[in-house]
Protein backbone atom coordinates (compact mmCIF):
# COMPACT_ATOMS: atom_id res chain seq x y z
CA MET A 1 -3.71 18.39 -10.57
CA SER A 2 -5.22 14.92 -10.64
CA ARG A 3 -5.75 13.36 -14.06
CA HIS A 4 -8.47 10.96 -15.14
CA HIS A 5 -10.11 9.58 -18.26
CA ILE A 6 -13.18 7.57 -19.24
CA GLU A 7 -13.11 4.01 -20.54
CA LYS A 8 -15.87 1.70 -21.62
CA VAL A 9 -16.41 -1.34 -19.40
CA THR A 10 -18.76 -4.29 -19.70
CA CYS A 11 -20.74 -5.41 -16.68
CA PRO A 12 -19.93 -9.05 -15.86
CA SER A 13 -23.49 -9.60 -14.64
CA CYS A 14 -25.72 -8.15 -17.37
CA HIS A 15 -23.08 -7.35 -20.04
CA HIS A 16 -24.25 -3.76 -20.33
CA GLU A 17 -21.51 -1.43 -21.55
CA GLY A 18 -20.99 1.74 -19.54
CA ASP A 19 -18.50 4.51 -18.80
CA PHE A 20 -15.96 4.13 -16.01
CA GLU A 21 -13.77 6.95 -14.69
CA LEU A 22 -10.14 5.86 -14.26
CA TRP A 23 -7.75 8.05 -12.31
CA ASP A 24 -4.32 8.14 -13.95
CA SER A 25 -2.86 10.26 -11.15
CA ILE A 26 -4.08 11.74 -7.89
CA ASN A 27 -2.61 14.83 -6.24
CA THR A 28 -3.95 15.25 -2.72
CA ALA A 29 -2.51 18.75 -2.30
CA LEU A 30 -4.44 20.07 -5.28
CA ASP A 31 -7.46 17.77 -4.94
CA PRO A 32 -7.66 16.92 -1.21
CA GLU A 33 -11.09 15.28 -1.53
CA MET A 34 -9.49 12.50 -3.60
CA LYS A 35 -7.54 11.11 -0.64
CA GLU A 36 -10.67 9.72 1.03
CA LYS A 37 -11.77 8.20 -2.29
CA VAL A 38 -8.46 6.34 -2.42
CA LEU A 39 -8.65 5.26 1.23
CA ASN A 40 -12.18 3.89 0.85
CA LYS A 41 -11.19 2.47 -2.57
CA SER A 42 -14.25 3.99 -4.24
CA ILE A 43 -12.08 5.02 -7.21
CA PHE A 44 -11.84 1.31 -8.07
CA LEU A 45 -15.58 0.61 -7.84
CA TYR A 46 -17.94 0.59 -10.81
CA THR A 47 -21.72 0.39 -10.46
CA CYS A 48 -23.53 -0.80 -13.55
CA PRO A 49 -26.22 1.74 -14.53
CA SER A 50 -28.33 -1.07 -15.98
CA CYS A 51 -28.49 -3.76 -13.26
CA GLY A 52 -26.99 -1.90 -10.28
CA GLU A 53 -24.26 -4.48 -9.72
CA THR A 54 -21.06 -3.05 -8.17
CA PHE A 55 -17.67 -4.57 -8.79
CA ARG A 56 -14.03 -3.60 -8.44
CA LEU A 57 -11.73 -2.73 -11.32
CA ASN A 58 -8.03 -2.62 -10.54
CA TYR A 59 -5.91 -0.32 -12.68
CA PRO A 60 -2.59 1.53 -12.38
CA THR A 61 -2.56 4.95 -10.78
CA LEU A 62 0.00 7.37 -9.37
CA TYR A 63 -0.84 8.59 -5.87
CA HIS A 64 0.95 11.84 -5.07
CA GLN A 65 0.66 13.20 -1.53
CA MET A 66 2.62 16.27 -2.56
CA GLU A 67 2.25 18.13 0.73
CA ASP A 68 4.23 15.32 2.43
CA LEU A 69 6.57 14.48 -0.49
CA ILE A 70 5.07 10.99 -0.80
CA MET A 71 4.59 9.26 -4.14
CA ILE A 72 3.13 5.76 -4.46
CA TYR A 73 2.64 4.07 -7.81
CA LEU A 74 0.08 1.28 -8.08
CA VAL A 75 0.97 -1.02 -10.98
CA SER A 76 0.58 -4.64 -12.00
CA GLU A 77 3.21 -7.18 -10.96
CA SER A 78 4.55 -7.25 -14.53
CA GLU A 79 5.16 -3.48 -14.51
CA VAL A 80 7.16 -3.23 -11.26
CA GLU A 81 10.63 -3.29 -12.82
CA LYS A 82 9.66 -0.80 -15.52
CA THR A 83 8.16 1.51 -12.91
CA TYR A 84 11.32 1.35 -10.79
CA GLU A 85 13.26 2.66 -13.79
CA MET A 86 10.81 5.55 -13.96
CA PHE A 87 11.79 6.50 -10.42
CA TYR A 88 15.52 5.82 -10.50
CA GLY A 89 16.57 5.00 -14.06
CA GLU A 90 18.50 7.21 -16.48
CA ASN A 91 15.28 8.85 -17.67
CA ALA A 92 13.67 9.27 -14.24
CA LEU A 93 10.84 11.78 -13.82
CA PHE A 94 13.07 13.92 -11.59
CA ASP A 95 15.73 13.54 -8.91
CA PHE A 96 13.87 11.91 -6.02
CA ARG A 97 17.04 11.88 -3.93
CA THR A 98 17.41 15.66 -4.04
CA GLU A 99 13.72 16.23 -3.40
CA LYS A 100 13.79 13.71 -0.51
CA TYR A 101 10.68 12.04 -1.83
CA LEU A 102 9.34 8.95 -0.10
CA SER A 103 8.58 6.69 -3.06
CA ARG A 104 6.91 3.29 -3.19
CA ILE A 105 5.63 0.82 -5.76
CA VAL A 106 2.65 -1.38 -4.83
CA THR A 107 0.63 -3.95 -6.75
CA SER A 108 -2.86 -3.81 -5.22
CA PRO A 109 -5.32 -1.18 -3.95
CA ASN A 110 -5.08 -2.75 -0.46
CA GLN A 111 -1.31 -2.21 -0.46
CA LEU A 112 -1.79 1.38 -1.63
CA VAL A 113 -4.19 2.13 1.21
CA GLU A 114 -1.94 0.44 3.76
CA LYS A 115 1.12 2.47 2.70
CA ILE A 116 -0.82 5.72 3.00
CA GLN A 117 -2.05 4.78 6.47
CA ILE A 118 1.42 3.72 7.63
CA PHE A 119 3.03 6.98 6.52
CA ASP A 120 0.16 9.10 7.85
CA ALA A 121 0.70 7.40 11.24
CA GLY A 122 4.37 8.44 11.14
CA LYS A 123 5.57 4.85 10.85
CA ASP A 124 8.28 3.19 8.77
CA ASP A 125 6.83 0.56 6.41
CA ARG A 126 10.12 -1.37 6.43
CA ILE A 127 9.88 -1.81 10.19
CA MET A 128 6.18 -2.61 9.81
CA GLU A 129 7.03 -5.61 7.64
CA LEU A 130 9.20 -6.92 10.48
CA VAL A 131 6.33 -6.30 12.90
CA LYS A 132 4.09 -8.40 10.65
CA LEU A 133 6.56 -11.28 10.85
CA LEU A 134 6.72 -11.01 14.65
CA ALA A 135 2.94 -10.83 14.91
CA THR A 136 2.53 -13.82 12.61
CA ASP A 137 4.88 -15.91 14.76
CA SER A 138 3.01 -14.83 17.89
CA LEU A 139 -0.40 -15.69 16.43
CA LEU A 140 0.77 -19.10 15.22
CA GLU A 141 2.33 -19.86 18.59
CA ASN A 142 -0.63 -18.77 20.71
CA ASN A 143 -3.44 -19.75 18.33
CA PRO A 144 -2.10 -22.57 16.15
CA ASP A 145 -5.57 -23.42 14.82
CA GLU A 146 -6.39 -19.87 13.72
CA GLU A 147 -6.32 -19.47 9.96
CA PHE A 148 -5.45 -16.16 8.28
CA ASP A 149 -4.12 -15.03 4.93
CA GLU A 150 -2.50 -11.73 5.83
CA LEU A 151 -1.99 -9.02 8.40
CA ARG A 152 -2.67 -5.45 7.33
CA PHE A 153 -1.82 -2.21 9.12
CA ALA A 154 -4.66 0.07 10.20
CA VAL A 155 -5.54 2.63 12.85
CA ASP A 156 -8.65 1.86 14.91
CA ASP A 157 -11.29 4.34 16.01
CA ASP A 158 -9.43 5.39 19.17
CA GLY A 159 -6.17 5.98 17.29
CA THR A 160 -4.44 2.73 18.26
CA ASN A 161 -2.07 1.25 15.68
CA ILE A 162 -3.11 -2.30 14.88
CA LEU A 163 -2.63 -5.14 12.45
CA VAL A 164 -5.94 -6.37 11.11
CA ILE A 165 -6.17 -10.15 10.71
CA ILE A 166 -7.58 -11.05 7.29
CA ASN A 167 -8.86 -14.51 6.36
CA LYS A 168 -10.45 -15.15 2.96
CA GLY A 169 -11.07 -11.46 2.50
CA GLU A 170 -12.83 -11.04 5.85
CA THR A 171 -11.55 -9.31 9.01
CA THR A 172 -11.39 -11.85 11.83
CA GLY A 173 -9.51 -9.92 14.51
CA ALA A 174 -6.79 -7.40 15.27
CA VAL A 175 -3.46 -7.15 17.08
CA ASP A 176 -2.28 -4.07 19.02
CA ILE A 177 1.26 -3.46 17.77
CA ASP A 178 2.65 -0.33 19.48
CA ASP A 179 4.95 -2.30 21.81
CA MET A 180 5.92 -4.68 19.02
CA TYR A 181 6.77 -1.76 16.73
CA GLU A 182 9.02 -0.22 19.38
CA PHE A 183 10.79 -3.57 19.83
CA ALA A 184 11.23 -3.99 16.06
CA SER A 185 12.55 -0.44 15.72
CA SER A 186 15.31 -1.20 18.22
CA HIS A 187 16.52 -3.99 15.92
CA CYS A 188 16.51 -1.90 12.73
CA THR A 189 19.08 0.72 13.67
CA ASP A 190 21.14 -0.07 10.56
CA PHE A 191 18.33 0.91 8.19
CA LYS A 192 19.00 3.97 6.05
CA ASP A 193 16.90 7.06 6.57
CA LEU A 194 13.45 6.35 5.17
CA ARG A 195 13.84 8.95 2.43
CA ASP A 196 17.38 7.91 1.49
CA ASP A 197 16.61 4.24 0.87
CA GLU A 198 16.35 3.37 -2.82
CA ASP A 199 14.45 0.15 -2.06
CA ILE A 200 10.95 1.20 -3.01
CA VAL A 201 9.19 -2.16 -3.19
CA ILE A 202 8.72 -2.90 0.50
CA ASN A 203 6.78 -6.07 1.32
CA ARG A 204 7.11 -9.45 3.00
CA GLU A 205 9.63 -10.65 0.43
CA TRP A 206 11.75 -7.55 1.04
CA ILE A 207 12.01 -8.05 4.81
CA LEU A 208 12.71 -11.78 4.43
CA ASN A 209 15.58 -10.97 2.05
CA LYS A 210 16.84 -8.32 4.47
CA LEU A 211 16.88 -10.80 7.36
CA ALA A 212 18.62 -13.42 5.20
CA GLU A 213 21.32 -10.90 4.27
CA ALA A 214 21.86 -10.08 7.94
CA GLU A 215 22.27 -13.76 8.81
CA ASN A 216 24.90 -14.20 6.08
CA GLU A 217 27.03 -11.26 7.16
């Protein structure tokens, strides 16, 4: 089952101290209603009972989509290496290789949501990082004056797979990526099976390192 506890937090606006429910782990097979609370990031929102101000509190949590053998751990940047040992070290929780678990470590709620959406769409997040690079190059070539901070996977209302263009925290556009994903997939035939790959921190840095390794071969 999902586990949670209560901690005291102080409102940054009025300094009132209140109770905040932190979710240590979330199991969507046993508590299916929690998945939507993760996707809309409401589990990270605290509303002060005194002044009504709402703000986000980031904290570590283990997201376990047990029905699909998916486990994603949200931790701080400083805890990534330690968390990797929890998955694959000598004292690992259990044998993820035998269970064929799809495991990931992320460092922000946005990354957690994106991973869930990628896997729910039946996509490979390693290939998606390559798609982001291709889309970035395309945007810079066709719209050199357009400013953006990141591209984030999402599925729009009609079920189309897209990359949302984010600039200073605001959505400024979107890119349809189905053709780009197919093209990228054709160039990733040497990737291990998604559930056999022990690389569980998959991000922009990972794909850049992968491409650099390929160039040096």
